[in-house]
């Protein structure tokens, strides 16, 4: 067995059928999704807190729990983002202990997608693939393009044609073959499924999805370690395809299985999901107590990064929220903008629209009493606001323009009730 290969294969989440490691994302018997299976007994024999802490603080310090046969060959510096104690935001919301897991500063493209892409492209190389790609609502496009360029891989990126211009430019700069598709993300994804199996390319969220999704676990590992090897009581994450909250919880469960956090810790964690009101298939299923979501055919929200109408992991995300004692909630576009601005003004963190959604939903959970104000909360910020600046257009007052004279400045209302301090002449 290679030094870091503790992944035993792929397993169907519906029937449990086992498959060897291969670029395949569905069970050929029942079309259930596949996920990576591990030999946890073998991992337990080689991993420890001390061993992890000796390694560089990036996502690969947990490499035994990631599905590579050897060392990563793409994205060696990804992860290791800060868990910020958000006291000013906590004061504004009236809570005692609030943390922000800030992947808006992830390397190299300022979103949590760098985690999943580094795993998927490293695995693509192990499979001998030279052409990779994705269907994307923006962040994934940026990350695949950047990491493929650094790895010398050819990349084909497919995105909806109405995507934010900043995300399109932040993909084009890396030189991939970018294709704008007239349609929703779900239509783009269906096209990519056809492309992947027609050409045998490694599309990270299609045929490489089982490996790709495992990268999200590293956000959960880092939260637990940064909290001092313990788990929080409440975790809120944005949902697009619905995989992220499930993988964070899987990370917590794996740490408990391996004895890296206290036994029984995961039973005390409640998982919450946030969506935009204009595309809320998962939160709608939770709030209406349905096992399966109803696809949203035409998403209508400024939060394009979460605008997946038929999420692949929607059923599993809804199930986790209910069974953990958490919940799902959605936010309107004005609430999303307000959330972005509140986070920026209190913590100096400029999050994209998905972050504004998460903050807005947290506020709703607190106001409804679903999350007690005296318990510990972690919110996940998954992307940088520089990517969605246009969503703020018209929501903020234009700054004044003045002449370069003191009198002009003092004529402004910026000084409020403050009185000008008159300097006294120095005594001789």
Foldseek 3Di string as FASTA:
>chain_A
DAPQAFWQAKAFPPPGDGDHHDLAAADPPPRGGIAIDGDLVVVLVPDAPVQLVVDPQALCSPRSLAHDRYDFPWDPRWHNADWAFQPLLLVVLVFDTETERQQCPTPDARFLLLLLLSQLVSVCVVVVAQEEEEQALFSNLLNNLVRSLVNVGAYEYEYAQPHFPLSVVSNPVSPHNYDHDPFASVVRRVVVLVVCVVPVHHYCCHSVVNNSLLSLCSSLVVVCVNVPNADFQEEEEEAALLSNQVSSLVSVVSCLVSVSHDNPRSLRHAYEYEAAPQAPQQQVCLVVVHLGGDFDRDRDELPSRRRHRHRSCSNVNSVRNVVSLHHYDYYYLVQLLVQQVSCCVRPVARADSSSSRRSSVVSVCPVVVSDDSHGHYYYYGGHGNVSRVVSCPPVDDDDDDFDPDPVRVVPDCVCPPDDDDDDDDDDD
